[in-house]
Amino acid sequence: MNASSGLANLAIEQVLELSAEAHIERRMTALDSPAFHRLTGTIVAYGKMLTLLVALQEREEFYAMIAQLDLPASVTGLAH
């Protein structure tokens, strides 16, 4: 595992923790209150961030697998 992959994992873990805390806080908040709606928006934003981080992580893993094949740049489109 390389350094940036480790950072992605840490970021994903942190966003998951923050999202879980927001879910817990929202459950203790009155329905249809401004706080409830703010927390709902926060949870949605965390979900979007997780989607982005996981996509970036998968892309990095894909490129790492391609790099291990040691194919010529004319095949991969990547410069070595």
Protein backbone atom coordinates (compact mmCIF):
# COMPACT_ATOMS: atom_id res chain seq x y z
CA MET A 1 0.00 0.00 0.00
CA ASN A 2 1.44 3.38 -0.92
CA ALA A 3 1.26 6.61 1.07
CA SER A 4 -1.59 8.23 -0.85
CA SER A 5 -3.68 5.08 -0.57
CA GLY A 6 -3.10 5.15 3.18
CA LEU A 7 -4.21 8.77 3.28
CA ALA A 8 -7.35 7.90 1.33
CA ASN A 9 -8.14 5.17 3.84
CA LEU A 10 -7.66 7.59 6.73
CA ALA A 11 -9.90 10.17 5.06
CA ILE A 12 -12.59 7.56 4.42
CA GLU A 13 -12.44 6.39 8.05
CA GLN A 14 -12.69 9.98 9.31
CA VAL A 15 -15.69 10.78 7.10
CA LEU A 16 -17.39 7.57 8.23
CA GLU A 17 -16.87 8.53 11.88
CA LEU A 18 -18.20 12.04 11.30
CA SER A 19 -21.20 10.67 9.43
CA ALA A 20 -21.97 8.20 12.23
CA GLU A 21 -21.80 11.02 14.78
CA ALA A 22 -24.16 13.14 12.66
CA HIS A 23 -26.60 10.20 12.39
CA ILE A 24 -26.59 9.76 16.16
CA GLU A 25 -27.07 13.47 16.77
CA ARG A 26 -29.91 13.63 14.23
CA ARG A 27 -31.73 10.77 15.98
CA MET A 28 -31.72 12.83 19.16
CA THR A 29 -33.06 15.93 17.37
CA ALA A 30 -36.71 16.89 16.91
CA LEU A 31 -38.10 16.00 13.50
CA ASP A 32 -38.58 18.90 11.10
CA SER A 33 -36.48 21.24 13.25
CA PRO A 34 -33.78 23.41 11.67
CA ALA A 35 -31.13 21.27 13.40
CA PHE A 36 -32.65 18.09 11.95
CA HIS A 37 -32.55 19.53 8.42
CA ARG A 38 -29.00 20.85 8.92
CA LEU A 39 -27.85 17.42 10.05
CA THR A 40 -29.64 15.79 7.12
CA GLY A 41 -27.72 18.06 4.76
CA THR A 42 -24.50 17.28 6.58
CA ILE A 43 -25.10 13.54 6.26
CA VAL A 44 -25.83 13.90 2.55
CA ALA A 45 -22.57 15.85 2.12
CA TYR A 46 -20.64 13.12 3.95
CA GLY A 47 -22.19 10.55 1.62
CA LYS A 48 -21.08 12.52 -1.43
CA MET A 49 -17.58 12.87 -0.01
CA LEU A 50 -17.39 9.12 0.61
CA THR A 51 -18.48 8.45 -2.96
CA LEU A 52 -15.72 10.72 -4.25
CA LEU A 53 -13.02 9.31 -1.96
CA VAL A 54 -13.88 5.69 -2.80
CA ALA A 55 -13.90 6.47 -6.54
CA LEU A 56 -10.47 8.12 -6.25
CA GLN A 57 -9.16 5.18 -4.24
CA GLU A 58 -10.47 2.67 -6.80
CA ARG A 59 -8.93 4.69 -9.64
CA GLU A 60 -5.58 4.75 -7.86
CA GLU A 61 -5.73 0.99 -7.24
CA PHE A 62 -6.57 0.42 -10.92
CA TYR A 63 -3.59 2.48 -12.07
CA ALA A 64 -1.35 0.67 -9.58
CA MET A 65 -2.42 -2.69 -11.03
CA ILE A 66 -1.76 -1.46 -14.56
CA ALA A 67 1.67 -0.18 -13.51
CA GLN A 68 2.54 -3.62 -12.07
CA LEU A 69 1.95 -5.18 -15.48
CA ASP A 70 4.82 -3.04 -16.82
CA LEU A 71 3.07 -2.57 -20.16
CA PRO A 72 4.46 -0.09 -22.68
CA ALA A 73 3.10 3.46 -22.47
CA SER A 74 1.64 3.05 -25.97
CA VAL A 75 -0.75 0.44 -24.51
CA THR A 76 -1.61 2.12 -21.20
CA GLY A 77 -1.46 5.74 -22.24
CA LEU A 78 0.57 6.38 -19.09
CA ALA A 79 4.14 7.58 -18.99
CA HIS A 80 6.45 5.46 -16.83
